[in-house]
Protein backbone atom coordinates (compact mmCIF):
# COMPACT_ATOMS: atom_id res chain seq x y z
CA MET A 1 -88.83 151.60 36.48
CA ARG A 2 -89.52 155.12 34.77
CA THR A 3 -92.72 156.42 35.02
CA SER A 4 -92.66 156.34 30.88
CA SER A 5 -92.80 152.60 31.28
CA VAL A 6 -95.97 152.31 32.93
CA PHE A 7 -98.95 153.60 32.41
CA THR A 8 -100.30 156.94 32.61
CA VAL A 9 -103.44 159.12 32.12
CA SER A 10 -104.21 161.52 29.74
CA CYS A 11 -104.22 164.83 30.82
CA THR A 12 -107.55 165.38 30.21
CA LEU A 13 -109.22 163.42 32.73
CA LEU A 14 -110.34 165.12 35.53
CA VAL A 15 -111.89 167.46 32.62
CA PHE A 16 -115.00 165.85 33.45
CA TYR A 17 -115.14 167.23 36.79
CA VAL A 18 -115.12 171.31 35.58
CA HIS A 19 -117.85 172.98 36.49
CA ASN A 20 -118.13 176.42 34.73
CA VAL A 21 -119.62 179.25 36.24
CA ALA A 22 -118.97 182.63 36.61
CA ALA A 23 -117.92 183.99 39.69
CA ALA A 24 -121.03 186.51 41.70
CA LEU A 25 -118.94 187.97 44.23
CA ASN A 26 -115.82 189.57 43.26
CA CYS A 27 -112.88 189.10 45.66
CA SER A 28 -113.31 191.83 48.06
CA LYS A 29 -114.20 191.67 52.23
CA ALA A 30 -117.30 194.57 51.16
CA ALA A 31 -118.61 192.16 48.24
CA PHE A 32 -119.26 189.47 51.16
CA VAL A 33 -120.35 190.68 54.09
CA PRO A 34 -124.18 190.79 53.35
CA HIS A 35 -123.68 186.80 52.30
CA LEU A 36 -122.17 186.24 56.50
CA PRO A 37 -123.77 185.22 59.58
CA ALA A 38 -124.15 187.94 62.30
CA ASN A 39 -121.11 186.34 64.51
CA THR A 40 -118.96 186.12 61.55
CA THR A 41 -116.43 189.11 60.84
CA ILE A 42 -114.20 188.60 57.45
CA LEU A 43 -110.96 189.25 58.23
CA SER A 44 -109.46 189.62 54.43
CA ALA A 45 -110.26 188.68 51.52
CA THR A 46 -107.45 188.11 49.01
CA VAL A 47 -106.76 188.17 44.95
CA VAL A 48 -103.84 185.66 44.03
CA ALA A 49 -102.50 185.32 40.88
CA SER A 50 -102.53 182.28 38.98
CA ASN A 51 -98.31 181.01 40.85
CA GLY A 52 -99.28 182.97 43.61
CA SER A 53 -98.62 182.03 47.63
CA TYR A 54 -100.22 182.61 50.10
CA GLY A 55 -100.65 181.34 54.48
CA GLY A 56 -100.33 182.70 57.65
CA GLY A 57 -96.54 182.78 58.20
CA SER A 58 -95.32 182.53 61.54
CA GLN A 59 -98.18 183.36 62.96
CA ASP A 60 -100.35 180.63 61.85
CA LYS A 61 -97.84 178.06 64.71
CA ASP A 62 -99.66 174.89 63.29
CA PHE A 63 -98.95 175.23 59.65
CA PRO A 64 -96.31 178.35 59.30
CA LYS A 65 -95.72 177.41 55.49
CA SER A 66 -97.70 178.73 52.77
CA ALA A 67 -99.60 177.23 50.09
CA THR A 68 -97.92 177.64 46.89
CA GLY A 69 -97.60 177.51 43.58
CA LEU A 70 -101.90 178.12 43.29
CA PRO A 71 -103.97 178.83 40.71
CA ALA A 72 -105.65 182.18 40.71
CA LEU A 73 -108.04 182.45 43.39
CA CYS A 74 -109.98 184.21 46.08
CA ALA A 75 -108.46 183.39 49.56
CA VAL A 76 -110.86 184.31 52.66
CA GLN A 77 -110.36 184.51 56.22
CA LEU A 78 -113.03 184.90 58.55
CA HIS A 79 -113.57 184.61 62.72
CA VAL A 80 -116.07 183.18 63.99
CA TYR A 81 -117.54 184.08 67.49
CA GLN A 82 -119.59 182.20 70.12
CA GLU A 83 -120.26 183.23 73.63
CA HIS A 84 -117.48 181.88 74.90
CA SER A 85 -115.17 181.28 72.53
CA SER A 86 -114.04 182.15 68.61
CA TYR A 87 -112.67 180.18 65.62
CA MET A 88 -110.89 181.36 62.24
CA VAL A 89 -111.52 179.98 59.29
CA GLY A 90 -109.89 179.88 55.77
CA VAL A 91 -110.87 179.48 52.38
CA PHE A 92 -109.48 179.33 49.07
CA LEU A 93 -112.21 180.16 45.73
CA PRO A 94 -110.30 179.23 42.61
CA SER A 95 -111.47 181.21 39.70
CA ASN A 96 -114.72 180.08 37.85
CA ALA A 97 -112.32 178.58 34.84
CA THR A 98 -110.74 176.00 37.58
CA TYR A 99 -114.10 175.68 39.73
CA ASN A 100 -115.01 172.05 39.37
CA GLY A 101 -118.33 172.57 41.38
CA ARG A 102 -117.17 170.88 44.22
CA PHE A 103 -116.52 171.89 48.17
CA MET A 104 -113.25 169.75 50.26
CA THR A 105 -112.84 170.34 53.87
CA THR A 106 -109.10 169.48 55.49
CA GLY A 107 -108.28 169.18 58.97
CA ASN A 108 -105.33 169.74 61.82
CA THR A 109 -103.00 167.81 63.19
CA GLY A 110 -102.78 166.69 67.10
CA PHE A 111 -103.49 169.31 69.55
CA GLY A 112 -102.64 171.96 67.14
CA GLY A 113 -104.80 174.94 66.01
CA GLY A 114 -104.26 177.00 62.78
CA ILE A 115 -105.56 177.10 59.41
CA ASN A 116 -104.12 174.46 57.01
CA TRP A 117 -103.06 176.25 54.24
CA PRO A 118 -100.74 174.12 52.76
CA ALA A 119 -103.32 171.26 52.28
CA MET A 120 -106.26 173.53 50.48
CA GLY A 121 -103.79 174.51 48.48
CA THR A 122 -103.51 170.78 47.82
CA PHE A 123 -106.89 170.86 46.90
CA VAL A 124 -107.58 173.81 45.13
CA GLN A 125 -105.11 172.14 42.47
CA TYR A 126 -108.17 169.42 41.73
CA GLY A 127 -110.71 172.76 41.66
CA PHE A 128 -112.31 172.35 44.97
CA ALA A 129 -113.14 175.25 46.78
CA SER A 130 -111.10 174.09 49.74
CA MET A 131 -111.93 174.89 53.75
CA SER A 132 -110.29 174.69 56.73
CA THR A 133 -110.67 175.17 60.84
CA GLY A 134 -108.48 176.86 63.00
CA ALA A 135 -110.10 174.61 65.83
CA GLY A 136 -110.72 177.30 68.13
CA HIS A 137 -106.90 178.08 68.95
CA ASN A 138 -102.81 178.55 67.43
CA SER A 139 -100.77 175.82 68.60
CA GLY A 140 -98.62 173.50 67.01
CA ALA A 141 -99.36 170.13 66.80
CA GLY A 142 -97.42 168.75 70.11
CA ASP A 143 -98.59 171.97 72.29
CA ALA A 144 -102.02 171.60 74.66
CA SER A 145 -100.92 174.56 76.81
CA TRP A 146 -103.94 176.16 76.22
CA ALA A 147 -106.41 173.40 76.92
CA ILE A 148 -105.65 174.10 80.97
CA ASN A 149 -109.32 175.16 82.20
CA ASN A 150 -110.63 176.04 78.96
CA THR A 151 -113.22 173.75 77.96
CA GLU A 152 -114.86 176.03 75.26
CA ALA A 153 -111.51 175.96 72.88
CA LEU A 154 -111.35 172.10 73.78
CA THR A 155 -114.69 172.09 72.57
CA ASP A 156 -113.91 173.84 69.82
CA TRP A 157 -111.62 171.30 69.10
CA GLY A 158 -113.06 168.53 69.29
CA TYR A 159 -115.37 169.08 66.91
CA ARG A 160 -117.88 172.00 66.86
CA ALA A 161 -114.90 174.56 65.76
CA MET A 162 -115.22 172.19 62.45
CA HIS A 163 -118.91 171.64 62.02
CA GLY A 164 -119.59 175.77 62.23
CA SER A 165 -116.69 176.38 59.91
CA VAL A 166 -117.80 173.64 58.00
CA VAL A 167 -121.55 175.57 57.61
CA VAL A 168 -119.83 179.26 57.10
CA ALA A 169 -118.13 177.74 54.30
CA LYS A 170 -120.37 176.64 52.25
CA GLU A 171 -122.42 180.18 52.50
CA ILE A 172 -119.69 181.75 51.09
CA VAL A 173 -118.98 179.14 48.20
CA ALA A 174 -122.52 179.52 47.53
CA ALA A 175 -122.33 183.37 47.66
CA TYR A 176 -119.22 183.49 45.65
CA TYR A 177 -120.17 181.32 42.65
CA GLY A 178 -123.94 182.16 43.01
CA SER A 179 -125.38 178.24 43.77
CA SER A 180 -123.72 175.73 46.55
CA ALA A 181 -121.46 173.21 45.75
CA GLN A 182 -122.36 170.30 43.97
CA TYR A 183 -120.59 168.13 46.33
CA SER A 184 -118.81 168.23 49.53
CA TYR A 185 -115.96 166.34 50.40
CA TYR A 186 -113.34 165.65 53.37
CA SER A 187 -109.96 164.31 53.18
CA ALA A 188 -107.26 164.32 56.11
CA CYS A 189 -104.81 162.40 58.27
CA SER A 190 -104.23 161.76 61.80
CA GLY A 191 -105.99 164.38 64.04
CA GLY A 192 -107.86 165.54 60.88
CA GLY A 193 -108.82 161.73 60.06
CA ARG A 194 -110.38 161.75 64.19
CA GLN A 195 -112.04 165.40 63.25
CA GLY A 196 -113.64 163.61 59.48
CA LEU A 197 -114.82 160.34 61.47
CA LYS A 198 -116.20 163.35 64.15
CA GLU A 199 -118.18 164.70 61.26
CA VAL A 200 -119.52 161.37 59.76
CA GLN A 201 -121.10 160.53 63.45
CA LEU A 202 -122.05 164.16 64.88
CA TYR A 203 -123.17 166.00 61.50
CA PRO A 204 -123.62 163.25 58.78
CA GLU A 205 -125.38 165.88 55.92
CA ASP A 206 -122.02 168.10 55.87
CA PHE A 207 -119.99 165.58 53.96
CA ASP A 208 -121.20 163.30 50.56
CA GLY A 209 -118.40 161.52 50.97
CA VAL A 210 -114.73 161.44 53.68
CA VAL A 211 -111.59 159.95 53.83
CA ALA A 212 -110.03 159.43 57.04
CA GLY A 213 -106.31 158.66 57.47
CA SER A 214 -104.66 156.93 60.59
CA PRO A 215 -107.79 158.79 62.93
CA PRO A 216 -106.81 158.89 66.47
CA TRP A 217 -110.01 158.35 67.23
CA TRP A 218 -110.07 157.00 70.92
CA LEU A 219 -108.11 159.60 72.57
CA THR A 220 -108.55 159.09 76.17
CA HIS A 221 -106.90 155.72 75.62
CA LEU A 222 -104.44 156.63 72.74
CA HIS A 223 -102.73 159.02 75.09
CA THR A 224 -102.36 157.38 78.38
CA TRP A 225 -101.06 154.15 76.05
CA VAL A 226 -98.39 156.47 75.20
CA VAL A 227 -97.38 157.30 78.84
CA GLN A 228 -97.99 153.45 80.16
CA ILE A 229 -95.61 152.34 77.05
CA GLY A 230 -92.78 155.02 78.03
CA MET A 231 -93.20 153.80 82.08
CA TRP A 232 -92.43 150.18 80.55
CA ASN A 233 -89.04 151.79 79.93
CA LEU A 234 -88.07 153.45 82.41
CA PRO A 235 -85.66 154.34 83.81
CA GLU A 236 -82.47 154.79 81.91
CA SER A 237 -80.62 152.46 84.02
CA GLY A 238 -83.14 150.16 84.48
CA ALA A 239 -82.66 146.65 84.03
CA ASN A 240 -86.22 146.28 82.22
CA ARG A 241 -85.11 149.09 79.68
CA ILE A 242 -84.53 148.16 75.79
CA PRO A 243 -81.01 150.18 74.90
CA SER A 244 -81.48 152.80 72.45
CA TYR A 245 -78.81 150.62 70.15
CA MET A 246 -81.46 147.81 69.80
CA PHE A 247 -83.79 148.87 68.54
CA LEU A 248 -82.74 148.65 64.92
CA PRO A 249 -82.05 145.00 65.54
CA ILE A 250 -85.15 144.63 66.96
CA LYS A 251 -86.31 145.64 63.75
CA HIS A 252 -84.56 143.70 61.49
CA GLU A 253 -84.98 140.90 63.68
CA ILE A 254 -89.11 141.40 63.50
CA TYR A 255 -88.64 141.98 59.07
CA ARG A 256 -86.15 138.53 59.65
CA GLN A 257 -88.95 136.40 60.21
CA CYS A 258 -91.75 138.54 59.73
CA ASP A 259 -91.57 138.65 55.92
CA PRO A 260 -91.42 135.86 54.23
CA GLN A 261 -94.46 134.83 56.38
CA ASP A 262 -96.33 136.99 53.86
CA GLY A 263 -95.34 134.82 50.59
CA MET A 264 -93.37 137.52 49.20
CA THR A 265 -89.54 138.06 51.19
CA ASP A 266 -89.30 142.02 49.47
CA GLY A 267 -88.87 143.85 52.84
CA ILE A 268 -92.41 144.52 53.64
CA ILE A 269 -94.44 142.86 55.89
CA SER A 270 -97.63 142.86 54.44
CA ASP A 271 -99.75 141.05 56.97
CA PRO A 272 -98.00 141.51 60.86
CA TYR A 273 -101.09 140.31 62.50
CA SER A 274 -100.80 136.85 61.09
CA CYS A 275 -96.91 136.33 61.58
CA ASN A 276 -95.69 134.05 64.42
CA PHE A 277 -92.92 136.28 66.15
CA SER A 278 -90.48 134.45 68.47
CA SER A 279 -88.34 137.48 70.40
CA ALA A 280 -86.36 134.79 72.15
CA THR A 281 -83.93 134.91 69.31
CA LEU A 282 -82.78 138.45 70.78
CA ALA A 283 -82.33 137.34 74.24
CA CYS A 284 -78.47 137.36 75.08
CA SER A 285 -76.95 134.14 75.37
CA SER A 286 -73.00 132.04 76.14
CA THR A 287 -72.62 133.09 72.05
CA ASN A 288 -74.29 136.72 71.97
CA SER A 289 -74.11 139.08 75.11
CA THR A 290 -73.96 142.54 73.08
CA ASN A 291 -77.04 142.89 70.51
CA CYS A 292 -78.70 141.30 72.39
CA LEU A 293 -81.48 141.78 75.88
CA GLN A 294 -81.09 140.51 78.71
CA PRO A 295 -84.36 138.79 80.64
CA ALA A 296 -85.93 142.26 81.80
CA ALA A 297 -85.26 144.00 78.79
CA LEU A 298 -87.00 141.27 76.84
CA ASP A 299 -89.88 141.01 79.04
CA THR A 300 -90.38 144.66 77.88
CA LEU A 301 -90.87 143.61 74.38
CA ASN A 302 -93.05 141.33 75.00
CA THR A 303 -95.01 143.67 76.98
CA LEU A 304 -94.92 146.44 74.10
CA TYR A 305 -96.02 144.32 71.64
CA SER A 306 -98.60 143.13 73.56
CA ASP A 307 -102.43 144.34 74.19
CA TRP A 308 -102.68 146.60 77.43
CA ARG A 309 -104.82 145.75 80.21
CA ASP A 310 -106.00 146.96 83.36
CA PRO A 311 -105.06 144.91 86.86
CA SER A 312 -108.47 143.62 86.11
CA GLY A 313 -107.50 142.07 82.88
CA ASN A 314 -109.97 144.24 80.77
CA PHE A 315 -108.55 145.78 77.63
CA LEU A 316 -107.40 149.07 77.17
CA PHE A 317 -105.33 149.73 73.66
CA PRO A 318 -104.05 148.09 71.36
CA PRO A 319 -99.85 147.79 70.40
CA PHE A 320 -98.05 148.51 67.15
CA ALA A 321 -98.21 145.82 64.89
CA LEU A 322 -95.13 143.96 64.16
CA GLY A 323 -92.96 146.19 62.42
CA ALA A 324 -93.74 149.82 64.09
CA ASP A 325 -91.21 150.91 65.29
CA TYR A 326 -91.30 152.05 69.09
CA SER A 327 -88.49 153.90 69.82
CA GLY A 328 -90.11 157.33 69.06
CA LEU A 329 -92.37 157.15 72.15
CA THR A 330 -90.07 155.30 74.15
CA GLY A 331 -86.58 156.74 73.22
CA SER A 332 -86.73 159.17 76.06
CA THR A 333 -84.68 158.93 78.78
CA SER A 334 -86.19 161.08 81.55
CA ALA A 335 -90.05 160.44 80.86
CA PRO A 336 -93.10 158.99 78.75
CA SER A 337 -92.96 161.23 75.63
CA GLY A 338 -94.86 164.42 75.74
CA PHE A 339 -97.94 162.94 73.21
CA GLY A 340 -99.21 161.02 76.27
CA THR A 341 -97.81 163.05 79.41
CA ASP A 342 -99.48 166.18 77.79
CA PHE A 343 -103.19 164.71 77.08
CA VAL A 344 -103.02 164.28 80.40
CA ALA A 345 -101.42 167.14 82.11
CA ASP A 346 -103.23 169.43 80.10
CA MET A 347 -107.13 168.01 78.95
CA VAL A 348 -107.74 165.14 82.27
CA MET A 349 -106.06 166.48 85.12
CA ASN A 350 -105.40 170.39 84.14
CA ASP A 351 -102.21 170.43 85.84
CA ALA A 352 -99.06 171.57 83.96
CA ASN A 353 -97.27 170.14 86.67
CA TRP A 354 -98.70 166.66 86.75
CA ASN A 355 -96.35 163.76 87.88
CA TRP A 356 -96.77 161.75 85.57
CA THR A 357 -94.83 158.98 87.97
CA THR A 358 -98.50 158.73 89.43
CA PHE A 359 -99.73 157.37 86.48
CA ASN A 360 -101.86 154.27 87.12
CA THR A 361 -104.98 153.12 84.95
CA SER A 362 -107.76 155.19 87.25
CA ILE A 363 -106.46 157.97 85.52
CA VAL A 364 -107.64 155.93 82.48
CA GLU A 365 -111.65 156.00 84.01
CA LYS A 366 -111.11 159.80 84.74
CA ALA A 367 -110.32 160.68 80.81
CA ASP A 368 -113.10 158.26 79.63
CA ARG A 369 -115.68 160.37 82.22
CA ILE A 370 -114.73 163.68 81.20
CA ASN A 371 -113.79 162.93 77.25
CA PRO A 372 -112.00 166.40 76.88
CA GLY A 373 -113.18 168.67 74.36
CA GLY A 374 -115.96 165.73 73.57
CA ALA A 375 -113.04 164.39 71.04
CA ASN A 376 -113.36 160.51 70.64
CA ALA A 377 -115.22 159.94 67.55
CA ASP A 378 -116.60 156.60 69.41
CA ASP A 379 -120.76 157.29 68.00
CA PHE A 380 -119.93 153.77 66.05
CA ASP A 381 -123.80 153.52 64.09
CA LEU A 382 -123.00 155.59 61.39
CA SER A 383 -126.48 154.57 59.86
CA SER A 384 -127.76 158.14 59.53
CA PHE A 385 -124.80 159.05 57.13
CA GLN A 386 -124.73 156.06 54.95
CA SER A 387 -128.58 156.63 54.64
CA ARG A 388 -128.54 159.66 52.92
CA GLY A 389 -125.61 158.26 50.77
CA GLY A 390 -122.50 159.24 51.92
CA LYS A 391 -119.91 157.23 51.46
CA LEU A 392 -116.32 156.65 53.96
CA ILE A 393 -112.86 155.87 52.86
CA HIS A 394 -110.64 154.90 56.17
CA TYR A 395 -106.62 154.29 55.60
CA HIS A 396 -103.75 153.15 58.29
CA GLY A 397 -100.53 152.85 57.40
CA LEU A 398 -99.63 148.95 59.09
CA SER A 399 -96.14 150.61 60.02
CA ASP A 400 -97.62 153.47 61.93
CA SER A 401 -94.96 153.86 64.92
CA LEU A 402 -97.62 156.87 66.54
CA ILE A 403 -101.12 155.33 66.32
CA PRO A 404 -101.65 152.10 66.08
CA ALA A 405 -102.78 150.61 63.20
CA GLY A 406 -104.91 148.47 64.87
CA SER A 407 -106.97 151.65 67.07
CA SER A 408 -108.43 151.26 62.95
CA ILE A 409 -109.41 147.81 62.88
CA LEU A 410 -110.83 148.03 66.40
CA PHE A 411 -112.76 150.96 65.17
CA ARG A 412 -114.62 149.20 61.97
CA GLU A 413 -114.94 146.09 64.31
CA LYS A 414 -116.94 148.58 66.88
CA VAL A 415 -118.79 149.98 63.43
CA ALA A 416 -119.85 146.35 62.55
CA GLU A 417 -121.00 145.79 66.15
CA ALA A 418 -123.58 148.69 65.86
CA MET A 419 -124.40 148.20 62.35
CA ARG A 420 -125.43 144.38 62.26
CA SER A 421 -127.73 144.19 60.06
CA THR A 422 -125.61 146.52 57.38
CA SER A 423 -123.15 145.89 54.42
CA LEU A 424 -120.32 148.17 55.35
CA ASP A 425 -118.85 147.57 52.11
CA ASP A 426 -121.84 149.14 50.84
CA PHE A 427 -120.92 152.74 52.00
CA TYR A 428 -117.24 152.12 54.67
CA ARG A 429 -114.12 151.08 53.47
CA MET A 430 -110.96 150.22 54.85
CA PHE A 431 -107.65 150.28 53.41
CA LEU A 432 -104.78 148.95 55.67
CA ILE A 433 -101.31 150.07 53.35
CA PRO A 434 -98.48 147.79 54.52
CA GLY A 435 -94.90 149.46 55.62
CA MET A 436 -96.39 152.41 55.66
CA GLY A 437 -95.58 154.88 58.42
CA HIS A 438 -97.70 157.71 60.59
CA CYS A 439 -100.01 158.92 57.26
CA ARG A 440 -96.83 159.08 54.66
CA ASN A 441 -93.45 157.51 53.96
CA SER A 442 -91.84 153.86 54.26
CA ASP A 443 -88.33 151.86 53.85
CA LEU A 444 -89.06 150.07 50.38
CA ALA A 445 -93.38 149.65 50.44
CA PRO A 446 -95.32 151.55 47.87
CA TRP A 447 -97.84 153.96 50.03
CA TYR A 448 -98.06 157.30 48.37
CA ILE A 449 -102.72 157.62 47.26
CA ALA A 450 -102.88 161.36 47.41
CA GLY A 451 -104.08 161.02 51.06
CA GLY A 452 -103.99 163.48 53.66
CA GLY A 453 -100.73 165.29 54.23
CA GLN A 454 -98.81 163.13 51.75
CA THR A 455 -97.05 165.40 49.08
CA ILE A 456 -94.24 165.29 46.96
CA ALA A 457 -92.00 168.01 46.76
CA SER A 458 -91.93 167.83 43.07
CA SER A 459 -95.36 167.35 42.48
CA SER A 460 -98.32 169.96 43.24
CA HIS A 461 -101.19 167.47 44.06
CA SER A 462 -102.81 164.13 42.87
CA VAL A 463 -100.37 161.24 41.61
CA PRO A 464 -98.10 162.22 38.98
CA GLY A 465 -98.28 160.32 36.35
CA PHE A 466 -101.53 158.67 37.41
CA SER A 467 -103.91 161.18 38.27
CA ASP A 468 -106.78 158.26 38.00
CA ALA A 469 -109.16 156.60 40.68
CA GLN A 470 -107.02 153.63 40.41
CA HIS A 471 -104.18 155.37 42.29
CA ASP A 472 -105.36 158.52 43.83
CA VAL A 473 -108.08 158.25 46.60
CA VAL A 474 -109.54 161.52 46.24
CA LEU A 475 -110.66 160.78 43.15
CA ALA A 476 -111.61 157.23 44.25
CA LEU A 477 -113.99 158.72 46.88
CA MET A 478 -115.75 160.87 43.98
CA ASP A 479 -115.69 157.85 41.63
CA TRP A 480 -117.77 156.20 44.13
CA VAL A 481 -120.28 159.25 45.43
CA GLU A 482 -120.78 160.31 42.08
CA LYS A 483 -120.90 157.29 39.70
CA GLY A 484 -121.11 154.11 42.27
CA ASP A 485 -118.09 152.81 41.88
CA ALA A 486 -116.87 151.41 44.90
CA PRO A 487 -112.63 150.88 45.19
CA ASP A 488 -112.00 147.47 45.32
CA SER A 489 -108.45 148.30 45.99
CA LEU A 490 -105.95 151.74 45.48
CA ILE A 491 -102.86 151.36 43.68
CA ALA A 492 -99.92 152.68 45.87
CA THR A 493 -96.71 154.06 44.55
CA LYS A 494 -93.38 154.41 46.07
CA PHE A 495 -91.48 157.22 44.34
CA LEU A 496 -87.70 157.92 44.13
CA ASP A 497 -86.83 158.81 47.78
CA ASP A 498 -90.54 159.45 48.32
CA LYS A 499 -89.39 163.02 46.47
CA ASP A 500 -88.62 162.01 42.81
CA SER A 501 -92.31 162.12 41.31
CA THR A 502 -89.96 161.33 37.39
CA GLU A 503 -89.00 158.00 38.43
CA VAL A 504 -91.70 155.33 40.34
CA VAL A 505 -89.38 152.50 42.38
CA ASN A 506 -92.29 150.13 42.56
CA GLN A 507 -96.52 149.71 42.62
CA ARG A 508 -98.99 147.43 44.85
CA PRO A 509 -102.58 147.16 44.47
CA ILE A 510 -104.02 147.96 48.60
CA CYS A 511 -106.62 145.78 48.71
CA ALA A 512 -110.13 146.81 51.03
CA TYR A 513 -109.91 145.36 54.08
CA PRO A 514 -109.63 142.49 55.10
CA SER A 515 -108.76 141.37 51.62
CA GLN A 516 -104.72 141.31 50.56
CA ALA A 517 -102.74 141.86 47.54
CA GLN A 518 -100.54 138.50 46.75
CA TYR A 519 -97.99 138.18 43.65
CA VAL A 520 -100.09 136.24 41.17
CA GLY A 521 -97.42 136.77 38.34
CA SER A 522 -94.66 135.79 36.95
CA GLY A 523 -93.03 139.39 36.15
CA ASN A 524 -91.35 142.39 38.17
CA MET A 525 -92.88 142.28 41.50
CA ASN A 526 -92.76 146.39 41.22
CA GLU A 527 -95.39 146.25 38.70
CA SER A 528 -98.93 146.67 39.77
CA SER A 529 -99.85 144.07 37.12
CA ASN A 530 -98.58 141.07 38.65
CA TRP A 531 -100.40 141.22 41.87
CA ALA A 532 -103.94 140.94 42.63
CA CYS A 533 -106.41 141.04 45.89
CA GLN A 534 -107.20 138.49 47.25
CA ALA A 535 -109.77 137.25 50.31
CA GLY A 536 -108.50 137.38 53.85
CA LYS A 537 -109.50 136.90 57.00
CA SER A 538 -110.88 139.44 59.20
CA ILE A 539 -108.18 140.39 62.02
CA SER A 540 -109.55 140.07 65.79
CA ILE A 541 -108.60 142.87 68.36
CA PRO A 542 -109.63 142.35 71.86
CA GLU A 543 -113.34 143.39 73.07
CA ALA A 544 -113.07 147.00 74.50
CA LYS A 545 -113.88 148.32 77.77
CA LEU A 546 -115.21 151.56 76.24
CA GLY A 547 -115.93 154.51 78.54
CA HIS A 548 -117.50 157.40 78.09
């Protein structure tokens, strides 16, 4: 359906949030110097004209692309020094004409370090003064080599640089506008989602509201699990190997069985944890000897979709949900994915030449003892954040093929266990998004909620045509924090080819866990008005052996 045929929101919606205040400082290095802590140096203060661009270029290995189409603003780069390490900070300060009186922080990705100028550029479009930390090193998301025997940089990456950057950025904001921001927010996905959870746990005073998407909160088990699943599908010549040509037929068979079990055959598996899936239909037989799995390979498939346990039967990590694709992490013909082996080699073993064939679950125990950088976000008592009025929105794609959605379900279970007397929904709501991959994108399912890292090529920010708290998770968080309007659901949008914001393919409510969207109308299933949230059952992830 065309965007013009569905409900749209007045372009004046965001006017409510505008905070007209004259800047107290001009955009120059000299103007900021008197307001900086003693351990902080200002590297640049740059005036960016309306519709301008700004970024770190190729020197910023994690985020080499510039933020574009910016409103008029002041771009500030800072360098914070500590006794044994340092980190960079980037801040966008919009002009008083567009500043909404609020502060927004975004995060980093994977093992990466660098200032996330593109995401800052998205948030400044809302009117936020926006900030990103460089996380204490400069590398791409998949490069952990900087971590070898570098405990200080690991600690900066794990949590310290984020908090320190927030503190100094808030001082910059207060100095520039003459007063502190009215509210402070955070929004990011993946590694940035983990950083958001660490902030909630360690520094609950930093933010009034946090959006944490697809967070790898249990790094010591996620990355070691990635090593293990890669080993299960090796060697390439082994009878246990799932041939690369079989991953698509496996996906099709999972959808054939699971899609109708959620009550609607629509190409979307809405409830993968309730699917009664039989892999036996994929077994080779006298009538099918080509697109099929031999017994040892079928055992591998069943193992991949089962909980990972140690030799004593203790639960270690959940599998992907049915419908998520294993090929990216198990398709290598020579070694498990570097997403797992690099973590173990560079952060746990401190040995770039570590031999992955020696891996066993004792390395998981070692990783837990070390907890590199203190990065695991496993302090589940969030009462300090709750008591100050903080609000947390946590989302995860059910078809995530990098970080299993079950790990997010487990996180919420552990928070509920730690806060037994608390109604979690009063301050913490989780949204599981059917069909969405890692942070973004899908085959058919609506997924776009303007979460961290979600972008549409033809739009600068928010949800084009639907810039309201029903469709935009950032605005939903603001309404919850500032008005007390808790989100029972978010309407996710699927745009044409995930690129064309002028044409909506479908929309559907994503319900606060454990509720689930059910088709209740007789009209077009692609219109959100024909769906409603109905009570669902909580999903039980096996009791975890959480180590520190």
